[in-house]
Amino acid sequence: MRKVGCIVGPNGATIMSSTTGNPEVIRLFPSYVSKMRVTDPVRDVIDRGVLAAIGELRVGRPDLVEGEVWQSPPSLHKLPAILPLVTCVSEAADRVLDFLNIGPRALSMTGCWANVAAPRAAVKMHAHPNNFLSGVYYLKVQPGADTINFHDPRPQTGIIRPPVIELTAYNTDQVIVTVENGGLLIFPAWLLHSVDENRSDRPRISVSFNLMFTAYAETMGAPLWGEP
């Protein structure tokens, strides 16, 4: 039997090892998700503003039924009550751009909407076109409704799916991120994501948003759905 990592001569004798040391792993084109937590005093102000806005927008509407997701119009960031969240997101996005070594980098929020997911509700896999960054702020999540899935954006990797011994960042096609109340995620707008069924007995409430470089946002950044 040939020894792994060795070259075997014609007489079956081991001549030498074919490689030396451990392999160097070069990480190519990694994806990222920035995970932060808003401080409690700021979180209290943000949550009051968002919940008040949701309450006003849902006046006269029936309660959500099982499996239903309600989304506000994508212009929530234009309301004065949402300004604390907009400010917080802006500061967090600056930290992401620092990490990416990008500049100059004036960003504008091009869309912002509340999500209320009733028990059994889920969100299908999607991305956010015409933006650079996207993110989610979590107001009310609980066990059974406290995760988001990020999917491998490279469809060609699905051509072969061999069995694996242990899931790692290099062999999986999905990463599940656990979130908490006051949590804030920012990620590339092109990164595919989804949300599993709300398996709790309470609504899951979050706010999603998009960010684009201001020079592009004036003509390219508005959501492709919702208000004209």
Protein backbone atom coordinates (compact mmCIF):
# COMPACT_ATOMS: atom_id res chain seq x y z
CA MET A 1 0.00 0.00 0.00
CA ARG A 2 1.34 3.40 -0.92
CA LYS A 3 1.96 5.68 2.03
CA VAL A 4 0.07 8.96 1.94
CA GLY A 5 2.41 11.87 1.27
CA CYS A 6 5.26 9.66 0.04
CA ILE A 7 6.75 8.75 -3.32
CA VAL A 8 7.26 5.02 -3.74
CA GLY A 9 10.04 3.63 -5.94
CA PRO A 10 9.76 0.71 -8.41
CA ASN A 11 10.81 -1.81 -5.75
CA GLY A 12 8.19 -0.54 -3.30
CA ALA A 13 10.66 1.35 -1.14
CA THR A 14 9.74 4.79 0.16
CA ILE A 15 11.98 7.39 -1.48
CA MET A 16 10.84 10.62 0.14
CA SER A 17 7.90 12.56 1.42
CA SER A 18 6.14 14.36 -1.42
CA THR A 19 5.41 17.48 0.67
CA THR A 20 6.93 19.18 3.68
CA GLY A 21 5.16 20.52 6.75
CA ASN A 22 1.54 21.52 7.02
CA PRO A 23 -0.09 23.14 3.97
CA GLU A 24 -0.48 26.89 3.87
CA VAL A 25 -4.17 27.75 3.48
CA ILE A 26 -4.74 30.89 1.45
CA ARG A 27 -8.21 32.31 2.10
CA LEU A 28 -9.65 33.57 -1.18
CA PHE A 29 -12.58 35.98 -1.40
CA PRO A 30 -14.02 35.44 2.09
CA SER A 31 -17.54 36.65 2.92
CA TYR A 32 -18.22 38.43 6.18
CA VAL A 33 -20.99 39.34 8.60
CA SER A 34 -20.38 42.04 11.22
CA LYS A 35 -22.14 41.19 14.49
CA MET A 36 -22.56 43.88 17.16
CA ARG A 37 -24.80 44.65 20.13
CA VAL A 38 -26.34 48.05 20.76
CA THR A 39 -25.80 49.38 24.29
CA ASP A 40 -28.85 49.19 26.54
CA PRO A 41 -29.53 52.96 26.88
CA VAL A 42 -29.40 53.43 23.10
CA ARG A 43 -31.37 50.26 22.53
CA ASP A 44 -34.20 51.49 24.76
CA VAL A 45 -34.53 54.69 22.73
CA ILE A 46 -34.39 52.82 19.41
CA ASP A 47 -36.95 50.23 20.47
CA ARG A 48 -39.45 52.83 21.68
CA GLY A 49 -39.24 54.69 18.37
CA VAL A 50 -39.55 51.59 16.22
CA LEU A 51 -42.41 50.06 18.19
CA ALA A 52 -44.28 53.37 18.12
CA ALA A 53 -43.85 53.56 14.35
CA ILE A 54 -45.05 49.98 13.92
CA GLY A 55 -48.05 50.68 16.11
CA GLU A 56 -49.06 53.70 14.02
CA LEU A 57 -48.59 51.85 10.72
CA ARG A 58 -50.70 48.92 11.89
CA VAL A 59 -53.63 50.92 13.24
CA GLY A 60 -56.83 49.38 11.93
CA ARG A 61 -55.09 46.27 10.58
CA PRO A 62 -56.10 42.78 11.76
CA ASP A 63 -53.75 40.75 13.93
CA LEU A 64 -51.24 38.63 12.06
CA VAL A 65 -52.29 35.05 11.42
CA GLU A 66 -50.01 32.07 11.90
CA GLY A 67 -47.33 31.94 9.18
CA GLU A 68 -47.73 35.60 8.15
CA VAL A 69 -44.94 38.16 7.87
CA TRP A 70 -45.82 41.86 7.87
CA GLN A 71 -43.36 44.40 6.48
CA SER A 72 -43.68 48.14 6.76
CA PRO A 73 -43.04 50.41 3.78
CA PRO A 74 -39.25 50.71 3.13
CA SER A 75 -39.15 54.39 4.09
CA LEU A 76 -39.07 53.94 7.86
CA HIS A 77 -35.72 55.79 8.06
CA LYS A 78 -37.44 59.03 7.07
CA LEU A 79 -39.47 59.12 10.30
CA PRO A 80 -38.09 61.24 13.16
CA ALA A 81 -38.72 58.39 15.62
CA ILE A 82 -36.26 56.19 13.69
CA LEU A 83 -33.39 58.70 13.75
CA PRO A 84 -31.65 57.00 16.73
CA LEU A 85 -31.51 53.75 14.79
CA VAL A 86 -30.26 55.50 11.64
CA THR A 87 -27.49 57.17 13.66
CA CYS A 88 -26.51 53.89 15.31
CA VAL A 89 -26.40 52.06 11.97
CA SER A 90 -24.30 54.84 10.43
CA GLU A 91 -21.70 54.52 13.20
CA ALA A 92 -21.66 50.73 12.89
CA ALA A 93 -21.30 50.91 9.10
CA ASP A 94 -18.26 53.17 9.49
CA ARG A 95 -16.62 50.42 11.54
CA VAL A 96 -17.38 47.90 8.79
CA LEU A 97 -15.83 50.18 6.17
CA ASP A 98 -12.77 50.58 8.42
CA PHE A 99 -12.45 46.80 8.46
CA LEU A 100 -12.75 46.71 4.66
CA ASN A 101 -10.21 49.56 4.24
CA ILE A 102 -12.63 51.47 2.04
CA GLY A 103 -12.59 55.24 1.61
CA PRO A 104 -13.77 57.88 0.95
CA ARG A 105 -17.09 56.35 1.84
CA ALA A 106 -20.11 58.56 2.48
CA LEU A 107 -23.07 56.19 2.85
CA SER A 108 -26.80 56.83 2.69
CA MET A 109 -29.59 54.64 4.02
CA THR A 110 -31.67 53.81 0.96
CA GLY A 111 -34.32 51.68 2.61
CA CYS A 112 -35.44 50.69 6.09
CA TRP A 113 -38.43 48.56 7.03
CA ALA A 114 -39.84 46.73 10.01
CA ASN A 115 -40.50 43.00 9.95
CA VAL A 116 -43.05 41.32 12.20
CA ALA A 117 -43.12 37.53 11.81
CA ALA A 118 -45.95 35.61 13.43
CA PRO A 119 -45.36 32.08 14.76
CA ARG A 120 -44.64 29.61 11.90
CA ALA A 121 -43.62 32.49 9.57
CA ALA A 122 -40.37 32.28 7.59
CA VAL A 123 -38.47 34.38 5.04
CA LYS A 124 -37.18 32.82 1.82
CA MET A 125 -33.58 33.14 0.63
CA HIS A 126 -32.87 36.50 -1.00
CA ALA A 127 -30.36 39.33 -1.40
CA HIS A 128 -30.72 43.13 -1.66
CA PRO A 129 -29.86 44.44 -5.16
CA ASN A 130 -28.42 47.89 -5.92
CA ASN A 131 -26.84 48.41 -2.49
CA PHE A 132 -23.43 47.89 -0.90
CA LEU A 133 -24.37 46.89 2.67
CA SER A 134 -27.48 45.47 4.26
CA GLY A 135 -28.31 44.70 7.84
CA VAL A 136 -30.82 43.82 10.53
CA TYR A 137 -31.51 45.21 13.98
CA TYR A 138 -33.37 42.87 16.36
CA LEU A 139 -35.98 44.18 18.78
CA LYS A 140 -37.81 41.05 19.91
CA VAL A 141 -36.37 37.59 19.34
CA GLN A 142 -36.64 34.52 21.55
CA PRO A 143 -35.63 30.86 21.52
CA GLY A 144 -37.08 29.26 18.41
CA ALA A 145 -36.98 32.63 16.61
CA ASP A 146 -33.42 33.84 17.14
CA THR A 147 -31.40 32.83 14.09
CA ILE A 148 -30.68 33.97 10.54
CA ASN A 149 -29.14 31.83 7.79
CA PHE A 150 -26.42 32.99 5.41
CA HIS A 151 -25.94 30.99 2.23
CA ASP A 152 -22.91 30.35 0.07
CA PRO A 153 -23.19 32.88 -2.79
CA ARG A 154 -21.14 30.68 -5.15
CA PRO A 155 -23.63 28.41 -6.96
CA GLN A 156 -20.86 26.45 -8.65
CA THR A 157 -19.84 24.88 -5.33
CA GLY A 158 -23.03 22.84 -5.40
CA ILE A 159 -21.86 20.79 -8.39
CA ILE A 160 -20.26 18.29 -6.00
CA ARG A 161 -21.39 17.75 -2.41
CA PRO A 162 -19.25 14.96 -0.91
CA PRO A 163 -19.99 13.78 2.64
CA VAL A 164 -17.99 15.62 5.29
CA ILE A 165 -16.70 14.50 8.67
CA GLU A 166 -17.25 17.87 10.35
CA LEU A 167 -18.79 21.10 9.07
CA THR A 168 -16.37 24.00 8.69
CA ALA A 169 -16.38 27.35 6.92
CA TYR A 170 -14.68 25.64 3.98
CA ASN A 171 -17.14 22.80 3.36
CA THR A 172 -20.59 24.13 4.29
CA ASP A 173 -23.11 25.91 2.10
CA GLN A 174 -24.93 27.62 4.98
CA VAL A 175 -23.98 29.34 8.22
CA ILE A 176 -26.57 29.86 10.96
CA VAL A 177 -26.01 32.98 13.08
CA THR A 178 -27.71 33.30 16.45
CA VAL A 179 -29.06 36.76 17.27
CA GLU A 180 -30.33 38.52 20.39
CA ASN A 181 -32.43 41.48 21.41
CA GLY A 182 -30.42 44.61 20.67
CA GLY A 183 -28.26 42.74 18.18
CA LEU A 184 -27.14 44.41 14.96
CA LEU A 185 -25.84 42.61 11.87
CA ILE A 186 -24.27 44.25 8.81
CA PHE A 187 -23.24 42.25 5.76
CA PRO A 188 -22.72 42.63 1.99
CA ALA A 189 -26.01 43.34 0.26
CA TRP A 190 -25.29 40.54 -2.21
CA LEU A 191 -24.93 37.88 0.50
CA LEU A 192 -27.88 35.50 0.28
CA HIS A 193 -29.80 35.05 3.51
CA SER A 194 -33.03 33.56 4.85
CA VAL A 195 -34.89 33.17 8.12
CA ASP A 196 -36.25 29.86 9.36
CA GLU A 197 -39.78 29.38 10.58
CA ASN A 198 -40.62 31.16 13.81
CA ARG A 199 -40.88 28.20 16.15
CA SER A 200 -41.80 30.28 19.19
CA ASP A 201 -45.26 31.33 20.34
CA ARG A 202 -44.54 35.07 20.00
CA PRO A 203 -43.91 37.44 17.07
CA ARG A 204 -40.33 38.05 15.96
CA ILE A 205 -39.70 41.78 15.38
CA SER A 206 -36.74 43.23 13.53
CA VAL A 207 -35.78 46.16 11.30
CA SER A 208 -33.93 45.62 8.03
CA PHE A 209 -32.01 48.29 6.14
CA ASN A 210 -29.86 48.95 3.10
CA LEU A 211 -26.86 51.25 2.72
CA MET A 212 -25.30 52.56 -0.47
CA PHE A 213 -22.55 55.02 -1.32
CA THR A 214 -24.29 58.38 -1.47
CA ALA A 215 -23.15 59.12 -5.01
CA TYR A 216 -24.94 55.98 -6.22
CA ALA A 217 -27.84 56.05 -3.78
CA GLU A 218 -29.46 59.03 -5.50
CA THR A 219 -30.18 56.96 -8.61
CA MET A 220 -29.60 53.27 -7.84
CA GLY A 221 -30.21 52.45 -4.19
CA ALA A 222 -33.96 52.48 -3.61
CA PRO A 223 -35.58 49.08 -2.84
CA LEU A 224 -37.07 47.33 -5.86
CA TRP A 225 -40.36 46.84 -4.00
CA GLY A 226 -42.79 48.87 -1.88
CA GLU A 227 -43.52 52.54 -2.38
CA PRO A 228 -42.83 54.13 -5.81
